[in-house]
Amino acid sequence: MSKYHYYFKRGNLDTFAVKGKCLKGPICSMTLSHDNTGVSPGWYVDYVEVTSIAPSRGCRKINFPVNAWLAINEPPFGTASRGVYLCDDIIGDDGKCS
């Protein structure tokens, strides 16, 4: 994304690429959080999609449904942190990206 992109703006689809070590198993959970700073720090999350790409393993796309606010002033959680757990929405019968 461009350095001029306004992240977390209403209606945006924000994409982030991160490199890391290969995991021995699938990602089953994650914690989303923010530091609650800025003029309007809360944000609504529809879902988080994780695509794992590894040499000789192909790639695997996993969707984590969230459908909640990460904000201390928005119901129902009133928090800037939230645990997110895996659903069974893996793309393709072989677990590979389409």
PDB file of N, CA and C in Angstrom:
ATOM      1  N   MET A   1       0.833  -1.179   0.000  1.00  0.00           N
ATOM      2  CA  MET A   1       0.000   0.000   0.000  1.00  0.00           C
ATOM      3  C   MET A   1       0.883   1.250   0.000  1.00  0.00           C
ATOM      4  N   SER A   2       0.345   2.303  -0.492  1.00  0.00           N
ATOM      5  CA  SER A   2       1.040   3.578  -0.568  1.00  0.00           C
ATOM      6  C   SER A   2       1.237   4.181   0.818  1.00  0.00           C
ATOM      7  N   LYS A   3       2.279   4.988   0.966  1.00  0.00           N
ATOM      8  CA  LYS A   3       2.483   5.666   2.251  1.00  0.00           C
ATOM      9  C   LYS A   3       1.392   6.700   2.504  1.00  0.00           C
ATOM     10  N   TYR A   4       0.602   7.027   1.474  1.00  0.00           N
ATOM     11  CA  TYR A   4      -0.490   7.986   1.627  1.00  0.00           C
ATOM     12  C   TYR A   4      -1.834   7.304   1.882  1.00  0.00           C
ATOM     13  N   HIS A   5      -1.838   5.988   1.960  1.00  0.00           N
ATOM     14  CA  HIS A   5      -3.079   5.242   2.220  1.00  0.00           C
ATOM     15  C   HIS A   5      -3.531   5.499   3.651  1.00  0.00           C
ATOM     16  N   TYR A   6      -4.818   5.746   3.839  1.00  0.00           N
ATOM     17  CA  TYR A   6      -5.371   5.992   5.175  1.00  0.00           C
ATOM     18  C   TYR A   6      -5.885   4.662   5.728  1.00  0.00           C
ATOM     19  N   TYR A   7      -5.062   4.015   6.540  1.00  0.00           N
ATOM     20  CA  TYR A   7      -5.407   2.705   7.078  1.00  0.00           C
ATOM     21  C   TYR A   7      -6.603   2.777   8.023  1.00  0.00           C
ATOM     22  N   PHE A   8      -7.387   1.722   8.022  1.00  0.00           N
ATOM     23  CA  PHE A   8      -8.522   1.524   8.926  1.00  0.00           C
ATOM     24  C   PHE A   8      -9.658   2.521   8.699  1.00  0.00           C
ATOM     25  N   LYS A   9      -9.708   3.137   7.532  1.00  0.00           N
ATOM     26  CA  LYS A   9     -10.808   4.039   7.204  1.00  0.00           C
ATOM     27  C   LYS A   9     -12.040   3.208   6.846  1.00  0.00           C
ATOM     28  N   ARG A  10     -13.208   3.713   7.206  1.00  0.00           N
ATOM     29  CA  ARG A  10     -14.469   3.017   6.924  1.00  0.00           C
ATOM     30  C   ARG A  10     -14.534   2.610   5.450  1.00  0.00           C
ATOM     31  N   GLY A  11     -14.881   1.353   5.211  1.00  0.00           N
ATOM     32  CA  GLY A  11     -15.019   0.841   3.857  1.00  0.00           C
ATOM     33  C   GLY A  11     -13.732   0.331   3.230  1.00  0.00           C
ATOM     34  N   ASN A  12     -12.593   0.547   3.864  1.00  0.00           N
ATOM     35  CA  ASN A  12     -11.318   0.086   3.320  1.00  0.00           C
ATOM     36  C   ASN A  12     -11.132  -1.412   3.506  1.00  0.00           C
ATOM     37  N   LEU A  13     -10.371  -1.995   2.597  1.00  0.00           N
ATOM     38  CA  LEU A  13      -9.827  -3.330   2.781  1.00  0.00           C
ATOM     39  C   LEU A  13      -8.334  -3.119   2.913  1.00  0.00           C
ATOM     40  N   ASP A  14      -7.797  -3.275   4.111  1.00  0.00           N
ATOM     41  CA  ASP A  14      -6.380  -3.030   4.364  1.00  0.00           C
ATOM     42  C   ASP A  14      -5.626  -4.351   4.334  1.00  0.00           C
ATOM     43  N   THR A  15      -4.504  -4.366   3.618  1.00  0.00           N
ATOM     44  CA  THR A  15      -3.712  -5.573   3.446  1.00  0.00           C
ATOM     45  C   THR A  15      -2.310  -5.333   3.980  1.00  0.00           C
ATOM     46  N   PHE A  16      -1.795  -6.300   4.737  1.00  0.00           N
ATOM     47  CA  PHE A  16      -0.458  -6.207   5.310  1.00  0.00           C
ATOM     48  C   PHE A  16       0.284  -7.502   5.007  1.00  0.00           C
ATOM     49  N   ALA A  17       1.537  -7.411   4.617  1.00  0.00           N
ATOM     50  CA  ALA A  17       2.370  -8.586   4.369  1.00  0.00           C
ATOM     51  C   ALA A  17       3.423  -8.661   5.467  1.00  0.00           C
ATOM     52  N   VAL A  18       3.583  -9.845   6.033  1.00  0.00           N
ATOM     53  CA  VAL A  18       4.530 -10.047   7.124  1.00  0.00           C
ATOM     54  C   VAL A  18       5.303 -11.329   6.857  1.00  0.00           C
ATOM     55  N   LYS A  19       6.613 -11.301   7.041  1.00  0.00           N
ATOM     56  CA  LYS A  19       7.427 -12.506   6.906  1.00  0.00           C
ATOM     57  C   LYS A  19       7.702 -13.076   8.287  1.00  0.00           C
ATOM     58  N   GLY A  20       7.788 -14.380   8.356  1.00  0.00           N
ATOM     59  CA  GLY A  20       8.096 -15.028   9.625  1.00  0.00           C
ATOM     60  C   GLY A  20       8.574 -16.443   9.385  1.00  0.00           C
ATOM     61  N   LYS A  21       8.923 -17.117  10.454  1.00  0.00           N
ATOM     62  CA  LYS A  21       9.357 -18.508  10.371  1.00  0.00           C
ATOM     63  C   LYS A  21       8.172 -19.392  10.009  1.00  0.00           C
ATOM     64  N   CYS A  22       8.456 -20.496   9.348  1.00  0.00           N
ATOM     65  CA  CYS A  22       7.402 -21.460   9.024  1.00  0.00           C
ATOM     66  C   CYS A  22       6.859 -22.062  10.310  1.00  0.00           C
ATOM     67  N   LEU A  23       5.556 -22.179  10.366  1.00  0.00           N
ATOM     68  CA  LEU A  23       4.912 -22.773  11.533  1.00  0.00           C
ATOM     69  C   LEU A  23       4.767 -24.271  11.319  1.00  0.00           C
ATOM     70  N   LYS A  24       4.829 -25.032  12.400  1.00  0.00           N
ATOM     71  CA  LYS A  24       4.713 -26.487  12.298  1.00  0.00           C
ATOM     72  C   LYS A  24       3.277 -26.938  12.085  1.00  0.00           C
ATOM     73  N   GLY A  25       2.326 -26.118  12.453  1.00  0.00           N
ATOM     74  CA  GLY A  25       0.919 -26.469  12.299  1.00  0.00           C
ATOM     75  C   GLY A  25       0.132 -25.267  11.827  1.00  0.00           C
ATOM     76  N   PRO A  26      -1.170 -25.439  11.640  1.00  0.00           N
ATOM     77  CA  PRO A  26      -2.005 -24.326  11.183  1.00  0.00           C
ATOM     78  C   PRO A  26      -2.199 -23.273  12.275  1.00  0.00           C
ATOM     79  N   ILE A  27      -2.494 -22.059  11.859  1.00  0.00           N
ATOM     80  CA  ILE A  27      -2.810 -20.983  12.796  1.00  0.00           C
ATOM     81  C   ILE A  27      -4.227 -21.219  13.295  1.00  0.00           C
ATOM     82  N   CYS A  28      -4.401 -21.291  14.602  1.00  0.00           N
ATOM     83  CA  CYS A  28      -5.718 -21.588  15.179  1.00  0.00           C
ATOM     84  C   CYS A  28      -6.338 -20.389  15.885  1.00  0.00           C
ATOM     85  N   SER A  29      -5.521 -19.426  16.296  1.00  0.00           N
ATOM     86  CA  SER A  29      -6.050 -18.259  16.995  1.00  0.00           C
ATOM     87  C   SER A  29      -5.069 -17.103  16.867  1.00  0.00           C
ATOM     88  N   MET A  30      -5.547 -15.916  17.190  1.00  0.00           N
ATOM     89  CA  MET A  30      -4.700 -14.721  17.203  1.00  0.00           C
ATOM     90  C   MET A  30      -5.333 -13.698  18.129  1.00  0.00           C
ATOM     91  N   THR A  31      -4.569 -12.698  18.492  1.00  0.00           N
ATOM     92  CA  THR A  31      -5.088 -11.587  19.276  1.00  0.00           C
ATOM     93  C   THR A  31      -4.920 -10.317  18.462  1.00  0.00           C
ATOM     94  N   LEU A  32      -6.015  -9.603  18.253  1.00  0.00           N
ATOM     95  CA  LEU A  32      -5.981  -8.298  17.595  1.00  0.00           C
ATOM     96  C   LEU A  32      -6.023  -7.242  18.677  1.00  0.00           C
ATOM     97  N   SER A  33      -5.187  -6.220  18.557  1.00  0.00           N
ATOM     98  CA  SER A  33      -5.214  -5.149  19.554  1.00  0.00           C
ATOM     99  C   SER A  33      -4.670  -3.869  18.946  1.00  0.00           C
ATOM    100  N   HIS A  34      -4.931  -2.764  19.629  1.00  0.00           N
ATOM    101  CA  HIS A  34      -4.351  -1.477  19.259  1.00  0.00           C
ATOM    102  C   HIS A  34      -4.131  -0.674  20.534  1.00  0.00           C
ATOM    103  N   ASP A  35      -3.427   0.442  20.412  1.00  0.00           N
ATOM    104  CA  ASP A  35      -3.034   1.210  21.600  1.00  0.00           C
ATOM    105  C   ASP A  35      -4.037   2.290  21.996  1.00  0.00           C
ATOM    106  N   ASN A  36      -5.171   2.364  21.300  1.00  0.00           N
ATOM    107  CA  ASN A  36      -6.241   3.305  21.632  1.00  0.00           C
ATOM    108  C   ASN A  36      -5.802   4.769  21.577  1.00  0.00           C
ATOM    109  N   THR A  37      -4.880   5.097  20.664  1.00  0.00           N
ATOM    110  CA  THR A  37      -4.455   6.486  20.507  1.00  0.00           C
ATOM    111  C   THR A  37      -5.053   7.064  19.229  1.00  0.00           C
ATOM    112  N   GLY A  38      -5.011   8.359  19.102  1.00  0.00           N
ATOM    113  CA  GLY A  38      -5.521   9.042  17.923  1.00  0.00           C
ATOM    114  C   GLY A  38      -6.897   9.632  18.170  1.00  0.00           C
ATOM    115  N   VAL A  39      -7.389  10.375  17.185  1.00  0.00           N
ATOM    116  CA  VAL A  39      -8.663  11.077  17.297  1.00  0.00           C
ATOM    117  C   VAL A  39      -9.828  10.102  17.395  1.00  0.00           C
ATOM    118  N   SER A  40      -9.846   9.101  16.552  1.00  0.00           N
ATOM    119  CA  SER A  40     -10.921   8.105  16.546  1.00  0.00           C
ATOM    120  C   SER A  40     -10.279   6.720  16.472  1.00  0.00           C
ATOM    121  N   PRO A  41      -9.772   6.217  17.604  1.00  0.00           N
ATOM    122  CA  PRO A  41      -8.927   5.029  17.581  1.00  0.00           C
ATOM    123  C   PRO A  41      -9.650   3.703  17.356  1.00  0.00           C
ATOM    124  N   GLY A  42     -10.956   3.649  17.585  1.00  0.00           N
ATOM    125  CA  GLY A  42     -11.664   2.380  17.425  1.00  0.00           C
ATOM    126  C   GLY A  42     -11.816   1.991  15.965  1.00  0.00           C
ATOM    127  N   TRP A  43     -11.832   0.694  15.702  1.00  0.00           N
ATOM    128  CA  TRP A  43     -12.094   0.229  14.353  1.00  0.00           C
ATOM    129  C   TRP A  43     -12.887  -1.056  14.376  1.00  0.00           C
ATOM    130  N   TYR A  44     -13.707  -1.217  13.334  1.00  0.00           N
ATOM    131  CA  TYR A  44     -14.560  -2.388  13.192  1.00  0.00           C
ATOM    132  C   TYR A  44     -13.855  -3.388  12.287  1.00  0.00           C
ATOM    133  N   VAL A  45     -13.824  -4.641  12.707  1.00  0.00           N
ATOM    134  CA  VAL A  45     -13.160  -5.689  11.933  1.00  0.00           C
ATOM    135  C   VAL A  45     -14.202  -6.697  11.463  1.00  0.00           C
ATOM    136  N   ASP A  46     -14.337  -6.863  10.155  1.00  0.00           N
ATOM    137  CA  ASP A  46     -15.214  -7.898   9.607  1.00  0.00           C
ATOM    138  C   ASP A  46     -14.550  -9.267   9.750  1.00  0.00           C
ATOM    139  N   TYR A  47     -13.322  -9.354   9.249  1.00  0.00           N
ATOM    140  CA  TYR A  47     -12.602 -10.624   9.285  1.00  0.00           C
ATOM    141  C   TYR A  47     -11.111 -10.365   9.128  1.00  0.00           C
ATOM    142  N   VAL A  48     -10.319 -11.376   9.458  1.00  0.00           N
ATOM    143  CA  VAL A  48      -8.887 -11.367   9.187  1.00  0.00           C
ATOM    144  C   VAL A  48      -8.619 -12.592   8.322  1.00  0.00           C
ATOM    145  N   GLU A  49      -7.948 -12.380   7.205  1.00  0.00           N
ATOM    146  CA  GLU A  49      -7.601 -13.485   6.319  1.00  0.00           C
ATOM    147  C   GLU A  49      -6.096 -13.661   6.362  1.00  0.00           C
ATOM    148  N   VAL A  50      -5.646 -14.872   6.644  1.00  0.00           N
ATOM    149  CA  VAL A  50      -4.222 -15.180   6.711  1.00  0.00           C
ATOM    150  C   VAL A  50      -3.894 -16.133   5.567  1.00  0.00           C
ATOM    151  N   THR A  51      -2.915 -15.755   4.755  1.00  0.00           N
ATOM    152  CA  THR A  51      -2.442 -16.628   3.688  1.00  0.00           C
ATOM    153  C   THR A  51      -1.019 -17.038   4.022  1.00  0.00           C
ATOM    154  N   SER A  52      -0.813 -18.324   4.219  1.00  0.00           N
ATOM    155  CA  SER A  52       0.519 -18.858   4.514  1.00  0.00           C
ATOM    156  C   SER A  52       1.118 -19.385   3.220  1.00  0.00           C
ATOM    157  N   ILE A  53       2.332 -18.942   2.932  1.00  0.00           N
ATOM    158  CA  ILE A  53       3.028 -19.384   1.729  1.00  0.00           C
ATOM    159  C   ILE A  53       4.357 -19.973   2.172  1.00  0.00           C
ATOM    160  N   ALA A  54       4.601 -21.226   1.797  1.00  0.00           N
ATOM    161  CA  ALA A  54       5.848 -21.880   2.181  1.00  0.00           C
ATOM    162  C   ALA A  54       6.389 -22.658   0.982  1.00  0.00           C
ATOM    163  N   PRO A  55       7.718 -22.679   0.829  1.00  0.00           N
ATOM    164  CA  PRO A  55       8.307 -23.452  -0.268  1.00  0.00           C
ATOM    165  C   PRO A  55       7.874 -24.916  -0.170  1.00  0.00           C
ATOM    166  N   SER A  56       7.544 -25.502  -1.278  1.00  0.00           N
ATOM    167  CA  SER A  56       7.138 -26.909  -1.423  1.00  0.00           C
ATOM    168  C   SER A  56       5.847 -27.274  -0.687  1.00  0.00           C
ATOM    169  N   ARG A  57       5.166 -26.309  -0.077  1.00  0.00           N
ATOM    170  CA  ARG A  57       3.897 -26.589   0.597  1.00  0.00           C
ATOM    171  C   ARG A  57       2.722 -25.879  -0.068  1.00  0.00           C
ATOM    172  N   GLY A  58       2.989 -25.077  -1.072  1.00  0.00           N
ATOM    173  CA  GLY A  58       1.913 -24.302  -1.677  1.00  0.00           C
ATOM    174  C   GLY A  58       1.479 -23.208  -0.721  1.00  0.00           C
ATOM    175  N   CYS A  59       0.250 -22.784  -0.843  1.00  0.00           N
ATOM    176  CA  CYS A  59      -0.221 -21.778   0.095  1.00  0.00           C
ATOM    177  C   CYS A  59      -1.580 -22.171   0.642  1.00  0.00           C
ATOM    178  N   ARG A  60      -1.900 -21.618   1.786  1.00  0.00           N
ATOM    179  CA  ARG A  60      -3.142 -21.944   2.475  1.00  0.00           C
ATOM    180  C   ARG A  60      -3.772 -20.650   2.969  1.00  0.00           C
ATOM    181  N   LYS A  61      -5.051 -20.494   2.706  1.00  0.00           N
ATOM    182  CA  LYS A  61      -5.772 -19.290   3.099  1.00  0.00           C
ATOM    183  C   LYS A  61      -6.768 -19.654   4.194  1.00  0.00           C
ATOM    184  N   ILE A  62      -6.722 -18.933   5.303  1.00  0.00           N
ATOM    185  CA  ILE A  62      -7.603 -19.194   6.441  1.00  0.00           C
ATOM    186  C   ILE A  62      -8.313 -17.899   6.816  1.00  0.00           C
ATOM    187  N   ASN A  63      -9.620 -17.970   7.023  1.00  0.00           N
ATOM    188  CA  ASN A  63     -10.405 -16.804   7.430  1.00  0.00           C
ATOM    189  C   ASN A  63     -10.776 -16.888   8.899  1.00  0.00           C
ATOM    190  N   PHE A  64     -10.544 -15.799   9.606  1.00  0.00           N
ATOM    191  CA  PHE A  64     -10.945 -15.660  11.000  1.00  0.00           C
ATOM    192  C   PHE A  64     -12.088 -14.650  11.049  1.00  0.00           C
ATOM    193  N   PRO A  65     -13.310 -15.071  11.313  1.00  0.00           N
ATOM    194  CA  PRO A  65     -14.414 -14.117  11.411  1.00  0.00           C
ATOM    195  C   PRO A  65     -14.308 -13.321  12.708  1.00  0.00           C
ATOM    196  N   VAL A  66     -14.507 -12.025  12.645  1.00  0.00           N
ATOM    197  CA  VAL A  66     -14.433 -11.180  13.839  1.00  0.00           C
ATOM    198  C   VAL A  66     -15.780 -10.489  14.053  1.00  0.00           C
ATOM    199  N   ASN A  67     -16.210  -9.683  13.088  1.00  0.00           N
ATOM    200  CA  ASN A  67     -17.495  -8.973  13.156  1.00  0.00           C
ATOM    201  C   ASN A  67     -17.697  -8.259  14.488  1.00  0.00           C
ATOM    202  N   ALA A  68     -16.718  -7.453  14.870  1.00  0.00           N
ATOM    203  CA  ALA A  68     -16.791  -6.745  16.152  1.00  0.00           C
ATOM    204  C   ALA A  68     -15.921  -5.490  16.123  1.00  0.00           C
ATOM    205  N   TRP A  69     -16.231  -4.576  17.026  1.00  0.00           N
ATOM    206  CA  TRP A  69     -15.439  -3.368  17.230  1.00  0.00           C
ATOM    207  C   TRP A  69     -14.238  -3.673  18.109  1.00  0.00           C
ATOM    208  N   LEU A  70     -13.106  -3.050  17.798  1.00  0.00           N
ATOM    209  CA  LEU A  70     -11.974  -2.971  18.703  1.00  0.00           C
ATOM    210  C   LEU A  70     -11.941  -1.514  19.139  1.00  0.00           C
ATOM    211  N   ALA A  71     -12.664  -1.227  20.195  1.00  0.00           N
ATOM    212  CA  ALA A  71     -12.802   0.150  20.677  1.00  0.00           C
ATOM    213  C   ALA A  71     -13.275   0.119  22.117  1.00  0.00           C
ATOM    214  N   ILE A  72     -12.724   1.000  22.934  1.00  0.00           N
ATOM    215  CA  ILE A  72     -13.160   1.022  24.332  1.00  0.00           C
ATOM    216  C   ILE A  72     -14.505   1.707  24.500  1.00  0.00           C
ATOM    217  N   ASN A  73     -14.942   2.459  23.470  1.00  0.00           N
ATOM    218  CA  ASN A  73     -16.209   3.191  23.592  1.00  0.00           C
ATOM    219  C   ASN A  73     -17.327   2.627  22.714  1.00  0.00           C
ATOM    220  N   GLU A  74     -17.170   1.416  22.190  1.00  0.00           N
ATOM    221  CA  GLU A  74     -18.195   0.792  21.348  1.00  0.00           C
ATOM    222  C   GLU A  74     -18.612  -0.547  21.942  1.00  0.00           C
ATOM    223  N   PRO A  75     -19.921  -0.823  21.973  1.00  0.00           N
ATOM    224  CA  PRO A  75     -20.382  -2.122  22.449  1.00  0.00           C
ATOM    225  C   PRO A  75     -20.059  -3.198  21.398  1.00  0.00           C
ATOM    226  N   PRO A  76     -20.049  -4.445  21.716  1.00  0.00           N
ATOM    227  CA  PRO A  76     -20.420  -5.000  23.016  1.00  0.00           C
ATOM    228  C   PRO A  76     -19.234  -5.227  23.942  1.00  0.00           C
ATOM    229  N   PHE A  77     -17.989  -5.105  23.444  1.00  0.00           N
ATOM    230  CA  PHE A  77     -16.848  -5.530  24.249  1.00  0.00           C
ATOM    231  C   PHE A  77     -16.162  -4.407  25.013  1.00  0.00           C
ATOM    232  N   GLY A  78     -16.192  -3.195  24.502  1.00  0.00           N
ATOM    233  CA  GLY A  78     -15.536  -2.092  25.182  1.00  0.00           C
ATOM    234  C   GLY A  78     -14.061  -2.346  25.413  1.00  0.00           C
ATOM    235  N   THR A  79     -13.369  -2.868  24.403  1.00  0.00           N
ATOM    236  CA  THR A  79     -11.966  -3.226  24.570  1.00  0.00           C
ATOM    237  C   THR A  79     -11.170  -2.897  23.310  1.00  0.00           C
ATOM    238  N   ALA A  80      -9.882  -2.695  23.485  1.00  0.00           N
ATOM    239  CA  ALA A  80      -8.989  -2.449  22.364  1.00  0.00           C
ATOM    240  C   ALA A  80      -8.221  -3.718  22.002  1.00  0.00           C
ATOM    241  N   SER A  81      -8.625  -4.854  22.580  1.00  0.00           N
ATOM    242  CA  SER A  81      -7.977  -6.132  22.315  1.00  0.00           C
ATOM    243  C   SER A  81      -9.039  -7.224  22.267  1.00  0.00           C
ATOM    244  N   ARG A  82      -8.837  -8.202  21.395  1.00  0.00           N
ATOM    245  CA  ARG A  82      -9.841  -9.263  21.253  1.00  0.00           C
ATOM    246  C   ARG A  82      -9.176 -10.526  20.740  1.00  0.00           C
ATOM    247  N   GLY A  83      -9.505 -11.668  21.340  1.00  0.00           N
ATOM    248  CA  GLY A  83      -9.058 -12.962  20.829  1.00  0.00           C
ATOM    249  C   GLY A  83      -9.911 -13.345  19.633  1.00  0.00           C
ATOM    250  N   VAL A  84      -9.297 -13.939  18.632  1.00  0.00           N
ATOM    251  CA  VAL A  84      -9.997 -14.359  17.424  1.00  0.00           C
ATOM    252  C   VAL A  84      -9.655 -15.825  17.187  1.00  0.00           C
ATOM    253  N   TYR A  85     -10.671 -16.638  16.926  1.00  0.00           N
ATOM    254  CA  TYR A  85     -10.470 -18.075  16.794  1.00  0.00           C
ATOM    255  C   TYR A  85     -10.898 -18.559  15.423  1.00  0.00           C
ATOM    256  N   LEU A  86     -10.260 -19.608  14.963  1.00  0.00           N
ATOM    257  CA  LEU A  86     -10.439 -20.136  13.620  1.00  0.00           C
ATOM    258  C   LEU A  86     -11.817 -20.719  13.383  1.00  0.00           C
ATOM    259  N   CYS A  87     -12.350 -20.433  12.191  1.00  0.00           N
ATOM    260  CA  CYS A  87     -13.533 -21.154  11.722  1.00  0.00           C
ATOM    261  C   CYS A  87     -13.042 -22.190  10.713  1.00  0.00           C
ATOM    262  N   ASP A  88     -13.918 -22.959  10.149  1.00  0.00           N
ATOM    263  CA  ASP A  88     -13.522 -24.013   9.216  1.00  0.00           C
ATOM    264  C   ASP A  88     -13.561 -23.559   7.765  1.00  0.00           C
ATOM    265  N   ASP A  89     -13.271 -22.298   7.503  1.00  0.00           N
ATOM    266  CA  ASP A  89     -13.374 -21.744   6.161  1.00  0.00           C
ATOM    267  C   ASP A  89     -12.017 -21.756   5.470  1.00  0.00           C
ATOM    268  N   ILE A  90     -11.580 -22.928   5.011  1.00  0.00           N
ATOM    269  CA  ILE A  90     -10.318 -23.048   4.291  1.00  0.00           C
ATOM    270  C   ILE A  90     -10.646 -23.167   2.811  1.00  0.00           C
ATOM    271  N   ILE A  91      -9.947 -22.428   1.997  1.00  0.00           N
ATOM    272  CA  ILE A  91     -10.249 -22.380   0.572  1.00  0.00           C
ATOM    273  C   ILE A  91      -9.750 -23.654  -0.113  1.00  0.00           C
ATOM    274  N   GLY A  92     -10.632 -24.348  -0.804  1.00  0.00           N
ATOM    275  CA  GLY A  92     -10.267 -25.546  -1.558  1.00  0.00           C
ATOM    276  C   GLY A  92     -10.203 -26.794  -0.700  1.00  0.00           C
ATOM    277  N   ASP A  93     -10.526 -27.936  -1.296  1.00  0.00           N
ATOM    278  CA  ASP A  93     -10.498 -29.204  -0.570  1.00  0.00           C
ATOM    279  C   ASP A  93      -9.091 -29.588  -0.130  1.00  0.00           C
ATOM    280  N   ASP A  94      -8.096 -29.149  -0.892  1.00  0.00           N
ATOM    281  CA  ASP A  94      -6.719 -29.488  -0.548  1.00  0.00           C
ATOM    282  C   ASP A  94      -6.075 -28.439   0.358  1.00  0.00           C
ATOM    283  N   GLY A  95      -6.837 -27.416   0.775  1.00  0.00           N
ATOM    284  CA  GLY A  95      -6.310 -26.380   1.651  1.00  0.00           C
ATOM    285  C   GLY A  95      -5.454 -25.356   0.944  1.00  0.00           C
ATOM    286  N   LYS A  96      -5.400 -25.416  -0.380  1.00  0.00           N
ATOM    287  CA  LYS A  96      -4.576 -24.476  -1.132  1.00  0.00           C
ATOM    288  C   LYS A  96      -5.405 -23.298  -1.614  1.00  0.00           C
ATOM    289  N   CYS A  97      -4.719 -22.214  -1.907  1.00  0.00           N
ATOM    290  CA  CYS A  97      -5.394 -21.007  -2.389  1.00  0.00           C
ATOM    291  C   CYS A  97      -5.971 -21.239  -3.773  1.00  0.00           C
ATOM    292  N   SER A  98      -7.090 -20.605  -4.004  1.00  0.00           N
ATOM    293  CA  SER A  98      -7.678 -20.711  -5.341  1.00  0.00           C
ATOM    294  C   SER A  98      -7.198 -19.577  -6.209  1.00  0.00           C
TER     295      SER A  98
END
